[in-house]
Amino acid sequence: MTDLSKRLAEVRNGIDELDSQLVELLAKRSALTTEVGQIKAQTGMPIYVPEREQQLIASRREQAEAQGVSPALVEDLLRRMMRDSYYTQNARYRCVNPQAGNIVVIGGRGSLGSAFVRLFEKSSYNTVVVEQEDWESGQAHQVLSTAYMVIVAVPINLTEQVIAQLSMLPNDCILADITSVKEKPLNAMLAVHSGPVVGLHPMFGPDAPGMIKQVVVVCDGRNRDAYAWLIDQMITWGATIHPSSAKEHDEAMAFIQVMRHFNTFVYGEHLRGENPDLETLTQFSSPIYRLELAMVGRLFAQAPSLYADIIFNNEANFALLRRFHERFGHALSLLESGDREAFAEQFARVGEWFGDYAKRCLTDSKQLLLKADDGHLLRK
């Protein structure tokens, strides 16, 4: 072995030893964050405290710069560790309303419904699940007629039908839904129930491990004071609450969900029709295109009925998609006519409309692309 080879082996051993120490430090840190979670559960402090996180990251970035270490690297490591620690802290949560009676989740075995059931159970609420067989046996009527709060967590196409059957609820029972459309379910709840009503839209999928750093849209229906504790409970779980009217919510979702899902559906159908080899596409794709293709594939790994319900829910969506189709056709006509100047002018106008947001996206997306490239996302 040459002197250089020997030295290389020594350096690698030193790196291995430091890596081992890092793992040990992470274990110690995890034990401390678990204790933090236990203290927060007893005091009712929320798991996620943005000010504390920002202060910690700023301090460690400053320390890194002073020691000649990349501040961006340190921040990246810290954020990854903190994300993990949030979920080692959440074995139990404080119960904001210990006097609450039975909380019934209709559809509580479903993906998103079961996530709510787990959160309520972690806060020691008495939670009951109602499913189709309970309606058939008559058990549902008995459970619902004495409920303290009822959350409707069924598919969109069944939501109004289920709500219409809830005339047996006690007058002071809180009635809520967690569908991704709000105006129709909220009106249906107000029509069938004279007590407290609220529409909720958790802005995350069922694969999220909890509510930490997640947004929940709250659309007030009736008697907000009666369900104020529920809002506080979600904040304790780590959620960020975004108040909205049902109309404003649904108009925004037409752009956020309907347009994106329909556009992805058409793109996927076009790929199916053209039939390229997907593995070849990923091999030729840079990280940004692998991410985009992954988002397309993700859609088609899920239930078709879910996305059909979202898109077909409101006829106003059809007019919006028709306008999108017209603009697509106009852009295509620019290509067919060879009018590069008009295309560039239109591109610039869109860029002006996005303004500083586009610049922020360019900066933020670089971090996503680095992570995708580091992990060779969806590339063998």
Protein backbone atom coordinates (compact mmCIF):
# COMPACT_ATOMS: atom_id res chain seq x y z
CA MET A 1 0.00 0.00 0.00
CA THR A 2 1.40 3.41 -0.98
CA ASP A 3 1.65 6.28 1.49
CA LEU A 4 -1.24 8.05 -0.25
CA SER A 5 -3.40 4.92 -0.15
CA LYS A 6 -2.61 4.49 3.53
CA ARG A 7 -3.48 8.10 4.26
CA LEU A 8 -6.73 7.80 2.27
CA ALA A 9 -7.73 4.79 4.35
CA GLU A 10 -6.96 6.69 7.56
CA VAL A 11 -9.04 9.68 6.44
CA ARG A 12 -11.94 7.44 5.48
CA ASN A 13 -11.80 5.74 8.86
CA GLY A 14 -11.92 9.18 10.47
CA ILE A 15 -14.98 10.08 8.41
CA ASP A 16 -16.64 6.79 9.36
CA GLU A 17 -15.99 7.51 13.03
CA LEU A 18 -17.48 10.99 12.75
CA ASP A 19 -20.51 9.59 10.92
CA SER A 20 -20.97 7.10 13.74
CA GLN A 21 -20.81 9.93 16.26
CA LEU A 22 -23.42 11.83 14.25
CA VAL A 23 -25.80 8.88 14.55
CA GLU A 24 -25.22 8.78 18.30
CA LEU A 25 -25.88 12.52 18.55
CA LEU A 26 -29.08 12.12 16.56
CA ALA A 27 -30.23 9.44 18.99
CA LYS A 28 -29.56 11.78 21.93
CA ARG A 29 -31.36 14.60 20.15
CA SER A 30 -34.34 12.34 19.46
CA ALA A 31 -34.58 11.46 23.16
CA LEU A 32 -34.65 15.15 24.06
CA THR A 33 -37.29 16.02 21.45
CA THR A 34 -39.43 13.16 22.72
CA GLU A 35 -39.24 14.70 26.20
CA VAL A 36 -40.15 18.08 24.71
CA GLY A 37 -43.23 16.45 23.20
CA GLN A 38 -44.25 15.03 26.57
CA ILE A 39 -43.94 18.44 28.21
CA LYS A 40 -45.93 20.09 25.40
CA ALA A 41 -48.66 17.47 25.74
CA GLN A 42 -49.02 18.33 29.42
CA THR A 43 -48.95 22.11 28.98
CA GLY A 44 -50.96 22.30 25.76
CA MET A 45 -48.22 24.04 23.80
CA PRO A 46 -48.44 23.44 20.04
CA ILE A 47 -45.92 21.02 18.58
CA TYR A 48 -44.92 23.48 15.85
CA VAL A 49 -43.72 26.92 17.00
CA PRO A 50 -42.56 28.86 13.90
CA GLU A 51 -40.70 31.55 15.88
CA ARG A 52 -38.62 28.95 17.75
CA GLU A 53 -37.75 27.16 14.49
CA GLN A 54 -36.72 30.38 12.72
CA GLN A 55 -34.58 31.49 15.65
CA LEU A 56 -32.83 28.12 15.87
CA ILE A 57 -32.05 28.03 12.14
CA ALA A 58 -30.77 31.63 12.12
CA SER A 59 -28.44 30.90 15.07
CA ARG A 60 -27.03 27.73 13.54
CA ARG A 61 -26.52 29.40 10.15
CA GLU A 62 -24.53 32.15 11.87
CA GLN A 63 -22.46 29.57 13.73
CA ALA A 64 -21.83 27.62 10.51
CA GLU A 65 -20.61 30.70 8.67
CA ALA A 66 -18.25 31.55 11.51
CA GLN A 67 -16.75 28.04 11.34
CA GLY A 68 -16.41 27.91 7.57
CA VAL A 69 -19.28 25.48 7.03
CA SER A 70 -21.96 26.03 4.41
CA PRO A 71 -24.96 27.71 6.14
CA ALA A 72 -27.25 26.22 3.49
CA LEU A 73 -25.99 22.71 4.32
CA VAL A 74 -26.55 23.27 8.04
CA GLU A 75 -30.05 24.64 7.45
CA ASP A 76 -30.90 21.68 5.21
CA LEU A 77 -29.74 19.22 7.89
CA LEU A 78 -31.58 21.07 10.64
CA ARG A 79 -34.85 21.20 8.74
CA ARG A 80 -34.64 17.47 8.04
CA MET A 81 -33.91 16.73 11.71
CA MET A 82 -36.68 19.02 12.92
CA ARG A 83 -39.18 17.46 10.55
CA ASP A 84 -38.34 14.07 12.01
CA SER A 85 -38.45 15.39 15.57
CA TYR A 86 -41.96 16.79 15.13
CA TYR A 87 -43.16 13.23 14.61
CA THR A 88 -41.26 11.83 17.57
CA GLN A 89 -43.00 14.43 19.73
CA ASN A 90 -46.58 13.60 18.83
CA ALA A 91 -47.29 10.38 20.73
CA ARG A 92 -49.84 12.34 22.77
CA TYR A 93 -51.46 15.75 22.48
CA ARG A 94 -53.24 17.89 25.06
CA CYS A 95 -57.02 17.56 25.02
CA VAL A 96 -58.33 21.10 24.57
CA ASN A 97 -61.91 20.16 25.50
CA PRO A 98 -61.96 17.38 28.13
CA GLN A 99 -65.73 17.85 28.56
CA ALA A 100 -66.41 16.82 24.96
CA GLY A 101 -68.65 13.81 24.52
CA ASN A 102 -68.52 11.28 21.68
CA ILE A 103 -66.83 12.49 18.51
CA VAL A 104 -68.25 10.55 15.58
CA VAL A 105 -66.34 10.31 12.30
CA ILE A 106 -68.56 9.10 9.47
CA GLY A 107 -66.15 7.34 7.12
CA GLY A 108 -63.52 7.10 9.83
CA ARG A 109 -61.93 4.03 8.28
CA GLY A 110 -61.18 5.92 5.10
CA SER A 111 -57.77 7.40 4.42
CA LEU A 112 -58.37 10.99 5.57
CA GLY A 113 -61.08 10.11 8.08
CA SER A 114 -58.77 7.67 9.84
CA ALA A 115 -56.11 10.41 10.10
CA PHE A 116 -58.60 12.52 12.08
CA VAL A 117 -59.56 9.55 14.22
CA ARG A 118 -55.90 9.00 15.15
CA LEU A 119 -55.42 12.66 16.07
CA PHE A 120 -58.52 12.74 18.27
CA GLU A 121 -57.46 9.52 19.97
CA LYS A 122 -53.98 10.95 20.63
CA SER A 123 -55.74 13.76 22.47
CA SER A 124 -57.80 11.26 24.51
CA TYR A 125 -61.19 12.06 22.97
CA ASN A 126 -63.76 9.30 22.87
CA THR A 127 -63.94 8.70 19.12
CA VAL A 128 -66.48 6.53 17.34
CA VAL A 129 -66.38 5.49 13.68
CA VAL A 130 -69.53 5.05 11.61
CA GLU A 131 -69.38 3.09 8.36
CA GLN A 132 -71.88 1.74 5.83
CA GLU A 133 -72.68 -1.39 7.83
CA ASP A 134 -73.64 0.76 10.83
CA TRP A 135 -76.32 2.52 8.78
CA GLU A 136 -77.67 -0.84 7.67
CA SER A 137 -77.77 -2.25 11.21
CA GLY A 138 -79.34 0.86 12.75
CA GLN A 139 -76.31 1.40 14.98
CA ALA A 140 -75.48 4.67 13.19
CA HIS A 141 -78.78 6.30 14.23
CA GLN A 142 -78.18 5.41 17.86
CA VAL A 143 -74.58 6.71 17.88
CA LEU A 144 -75.39 9.90 15.99
CA SER A 145 -78.40 10.80 18.11
CA THR A 146 -76.13 11.27 21.15
CA ALA A 147 -73.03 12.68 19.41
CA TYR A 148 -71.16 15.72 20.68
CA MET A 149 -69.57 16.33 17.29
CA VAL A 150 -69.94 14.66 13.90
CA ILE A 151 -67.36 14.86 11.14
CA VAL A 152 -68.41 13.74 7.67
CA ALA A 153 -65.39 12.16 5.95
CA VAL A 154 -66.87 10.34 2.98
CA PRO A 155 -66.18 10.72 -0.77
CA ILE A 156 -67.41 13.97 -2.33
CA ASN A 157 -70.12 12.27 -4.38
CA LEU A 158 -71.64 10.82 -1.17
CA THR A 159 -71.18 13.82 1.12
CA GLU A 160 -74.48 15.61 0.53
CA GLN A 161 -76.38 12.32 0.55
CA VAL A 162 -74.90 11.40 3.95
CA ILE A 163 -75.47 14.89 5.36
CA ALA A 164 -79.13 14.73 4.35
CA GLN A 165 -79.59 11.75 6.71
CA LEU A 166 -78.34 13.61 9.82
CA SER A 167 -81.63 15.01 11.08
CA MET A 168 -81.28 12.98 14.30
CA LEU A 169 -78.34 15.01 15.64
CA PRO A 170 -78.80 16.78 18.99
CA ASN A 171 -79.43 20.51 18.64
CA ASP A 172 -76.08 21.40 20.22
CA CYS A 173 -74.07 18.82 18.26
CA ILE A 174 -71.26 20.26 16.12
CA LEU A 175 -71.51 19.17 12.47
CA ALA A 176 -68.45 19.40 10.21
CA ASP A 177 -67.19 18.00 6.93
CA ILE A 178 -63.65 17.60 5.56
CA THR A 179 -64.24 17.41 1.81
CA SER A 180 -62.19 19.43 -0.70
CA VAL A 181 -65.25 21.38 -1.88
CA LYS A 182 -67.06 23.57 0.58
CA GLU A 183 -70.07 25.51 -0.71
CA LYS A 184 -72.46 22.63 -1.41
CA PRO A 185 -71.59 20.55 1.71
CA LEU A 186 -71.78 23.63 3.95
CA ASN A 187 -75.21 24.59 2.59
CA ALA A 188 -76.37 20.99 3.00
CA MET A 189 -75.24 20.93 6.65
CA LEU A 190 -76.92 24.26 7.40
CA ALA A 191 -80.15 22.96 5.86
CA VAL A 192 -80.32 19.69 7.81
CA HIS A 193 -78.97 20.80 11.20
CA SER A 194 -79.95 23.79 13.33
CA GLY A 195 -76.89 23.60 15.59
CA PRO A 196 -73.21 24.56 15.14
CA VAL A 197 -71.87 23.94 11.63
CA VAL A 198 -68.36 24.32 10.16
CA GLY A 199 -66.74 23.32 6.88
CA LEU A 200 -63.12 22.14 6.99
CA HIS A 201 -60.67 21.41 4.21
CA PRO A 202 -57.39 19.85 5.36
CA MET A 203 -54.93 20.95 2.67
CA PHE A 204 -52.95 17.73 2.75
CA GLY A 205 -53.32 14.16 1.65
CA PRO A 206 -53.91 11.06 3.76
CA ASP A 207 -50.23 10.16 3.46
CA ALA A 208 -49.26 13.14 5.64
CA PRO A 209 -48.24 11.85 9.10
CA GLY A 210 -50.24 14.52 10.92
CA MET A 211 -51.19 18.20 10.92
CA ILE A 212 -47.79 19.65 11.73
CA LYS A 213 -47.07 22.54 9.33
CA GLN A 214 -50.24 21.69 7.41
CA VAL A 215 -52.95 24.18 6.45
CA VAL A 216 -56.60 23.62 7.33
CA VAL A 217 -59.14 25.91 5.68
CA VAL A 218 -62.04 26.79 7.99
CA CYS A 219 -65.35 27.97 6.52
CA ASP A 220 -67.64 29.23 9.27
CA GLY A 221 -71.18 28.01 9.09
CA ARG A 222 -73.07 28.72 12.31
CA ASN A 223 -72.28 29.33 16.00
CA ARG A 224 -68.50 29.61 15.82
CA ASP A 225 -68.15 29.88 19.60
CA ALA A 226 -69.37 26.30 19.96
CA TYR A 227 -66.57 24.85 17.84
CA ALA A 228 -63.79 27.34 18.71
CA TRP A 229 -62.19 24.56 20.79
CA LEU A 230 -61.87 22.44 17.64
CA ILE A 231 -59.87 25.20 15.94
CA ASP A 232 -57.65 25.43 19.02
CA GLN A 233 -57.23 21.66 19.02
CA MET A 234 -56.05 21.66 15.40
CA ILE A 235 -53.55 24.41 16.24
CA THR A 236 -52.30 22.23 19.10
CA TRP A 237 -51.86 19.42 16.56
CA GLY A 238 -49.59 21.79 14.61
CA ALA A 239 -51.98 23.06 11.94
CA THR A 240 -52.07 26.54 10.43
CA ILE A 241 -55.67 27.76 10.20
CA HIS A 242 -56.80 29.70 7.14
CA PRO A 243 -60.29 31.24 7.48
CA SER A 244 -62.27 31.54 4.26
CA SER A 245 -65.78 31.78 2.91
CA ALA A 246 -66.99 28.66 1.13
CA LYS A 247 -67.37 30.60 -2.12
CA GLU A 248 -63.83 32.00 -1.98
CA HIS A 249 -62.49 28.53 -1.19
CA ASP A 250 -64.22 26.83 -4.10
CA GLU A 251 -63.19 29.53 -6.56
CA ALA A 252 -59.55 29.10 -5.51
CA MET A 253 -59.80 25.29 -5.70
CA ALA A 254 -60.97 25.56 -9.31
CA PHE A 255 -57.49 26.84 -10.17
CA ILE A 256 -55.50 24.87 -7.59
CA GLN A 257 -57.16 21.48 -7.98
CA VAL A 258 -59.51 21.30 -10.93
CA MET A 259 -57.25 22.86 -13.55
CA ARG A 260 -54.16 21.01 -12.40
CA HIS A 261 -55.88 17.63 -12.13
CA PHE A 262 -57.60 17.97 -15.50
CA ASN A 263 -54.41 19.15 -17.18
CA THR A 264 -52.54 16.20 -15.67
CA PHE A 265 -55.31 13.83 -16.78
CA VAL A 266 -55.01 15.05 -20.38
CA TYR A 267 -51.21 14.86 -20.25
CA GLY A 268 -51.42 11.30 -18.95
CA GLU A 269 -53.93 10.34 -21.63
CA HIS A 270 -51.66 11.85 -24.27
CA LEU A 271 -48.70 9.84 -22.98
CA ARG A 272 -50.83 6.70 -23.01
CA GLY A 273 -51.86 7.39 -26.61
CA GLU A 274 -48.32 8.13 -27.80
CA ASN A 275 -47.00 5.19 -25.74
CA PRO A 276 -43.36 6.22 -25.07
CA ASP A 277 -41.23 4.07 -22.78
CA LEU A 278 -41.51 5.64 -19.33
CA GLU A 279 -38.16 4.33 -18.12
CA THR A 280 -36.47 5.87 -21.15
CA LEU A 281 -38.19 9.20 -20.41
CA THR A 282 -36.87 9.20 -16.85
CA GLN A 283 -33.36 8.39 -18.04
CA PHE A 284 -33.41 11.41 -20.33
CA SER A 285 -35.02 13.69 -17.75
CA SER A 286 -33.30 16.26 -15.58
CA PRO A 287 -34.51 16.48 -11.94
CA ILE A 288 -37.21 19.06 -12.70
CA TYR A 289 -38.75 16.89 -15.41
CA ARG A 290 -38.53 13.77 -13.25
CA LEU A 291 -40.43 15.64 -10.56
CA GLU A 292 -43.08 16.74 -13.05
CA LEU A 293 -43.43 13.22 -14.43
CA ALA A 294 -43.63 11.89 -10.86
CA MET A 295 -46.57 14.21 -10.16
CA VAL A 296 -48.34 12.89 -13.25
CA GLY A 297 -47.72 9.29 -12.22
CA ARG A 298 -48.86 10.04 -8.67
CA LEU A 299 -52.28 11.13 -9.91
CA PHE A 300 -52.91 7.87 -11.76
CA ALA A 301 -51.91 5.77 -8.76
CA GLN A 302 -55.05 6.99 -6.98
CA ALA A 303 -58.78 6.39 -7.28
CA PRO A 304 -60.31 7.76 -10.52
CA SER A 305 -63.58 8.52 -8.72
CA LEU A 306 -61.86 10.96 -6.35
CA TYR A 307 -60.65 13.19 -9.17
CA ALA A 308 -63.84 12.79 -11.17
CA ASP A 309 -65.76 14.05 -8.13
CA ILE A 310 -63.50 17.10 -7.79
CA ILE A 311 -63.67 18.03 -11.48
CA PHE A 312 -67.36 17.29 -12.06
CA ASN A 313 -68.53 18.88 -8.80
CA ASN A 314 -69.28 22.33 -10.23
CA GLU A 315 -70.40 23.19 -13.75
CA ALA A 316 -68.49 26.47 -13.46
CA ASN A 317 -65.35 24.34 -13.69
CA PHE A 318 -66.28 23.38 -17.25
CA ALA A 319 -66.30 27.01 -18.40
CA LEU A 320 -62.91 27.58 -16.79
CA LEU A 321 -61.47 24.53 -18.56
CA ARG A 322 -63.03 25.65 -21.84
CA ARG A 323 -61.21 28.98 -21.52
CA PHE A 324 -58.00 27.08 -20.81
CA HIS A 325 -58.61 25.04 -23.96
CA GLU A 326 -59.08 28.20 -26.00
CA ARG A 327 -55.84 29.70 -24.71
CA PHE A 328 -54.02 26.45 -25.44
CA GLY A 329 -55.34 26.60 -28.98
CA HIS A 330 -54.23 30.21 -29.38
CA ALA A 331 -50.71 29.34 -28.16
CA LEU A 332 -50.60 26.42 -30.60
CA SER A 333 -51.60 28.74 -33.46
CA LEU A 334 -48.55 30.90 -32.66
CA LEU A 335 -46.34 27.85 -33.11
CA GLU A 336 -48.03 26.77 -36.31
CA SER A 337 -47.69 30.26 -37.77
CA GLY A 338 -44.03 30.44 -36.79
CA ASP A 339 -44.59 33.69 -34.87
CA ARG A 340 -41.71 33.46 -32.40
CA GLU A 341 -41.90 37.17 -31.59
CA ALA A 342 -45.57 36.98 -30.56
CA PHE A 343 -44.82 33.89 -28.47
CA ALA A 344 -41.95 35.66 -26.70
CA GLU A 345 -44.09 38.75 -26.06
CA GLN A 346 -46.87 36.65 -24.57
CA PHE A 347 -44.34 34.72 -22.46
CA ALA A 348 -42.99 38.02 -21.12
CA ARG A 349 -46.49 39.26 -20.24
CA VAL A 350 -47.11 36.11 -18.21
CA GLY A 351 -43.76 36.59 -16.47
CA GLU A 352 -44.75 40.16 -15.55
CA TRP A 353 -48.05 38.89 -14.14
CA PHE A 354 -46.22 36.40 -11.90
CA GLY A 355 -43.77 39.12 -10.83
CA ASP A 356 -41.60 38.44 -7.79
CA TYR A 357 -43.41 35.17 -7.12
CA ALA A 358 -41.69 33.65 -10.17
CA LYS A 359 -38.29 34.70 -8.84
CA ARG A 360 -39.06 33.14 -5.45
CA CYS A 361 -40.11 29.94 -7.16
CA LEU A 362 -36.86 29.84 -9.12
CA THR A 363 -34.88 30.10 -5.88
CA ASP A 364 -37.00 27.70 -3.83
CA SER A 365 -37.21 25.08 -6.56
CA LYS A 366 -33.42 24.78 -6.63
CA GLN A 367 -33.57 23.16 -3.18
CA LEU A 368 -36.17 20.68 -4.38
CA LEU A 369 -34.10 19.84 -7.43
CA LEU A 370 -30.98 19.23 -5.34
CA LYS A 371 -32.92 16.78 -3.17
CA ALA A 372 -34.35 15.04 -6.23
CA ASP A 373 -30.91 14.74 -7.78
CA ASP A 374 -29.30 13.54 -4.54
CA GLY A 375 -31.81 10.73 -4.26
CA HIS A 376 -31.89 9.96 -7.98
CA LEU A 377 -35.65 10.37 -7.71
CA LEU A 378 -37.47 7.73 -9.77
CA ARG A 379 -34.34 6.93 -11.74
CA LYS A 380 -32.66 3.55 -11.52
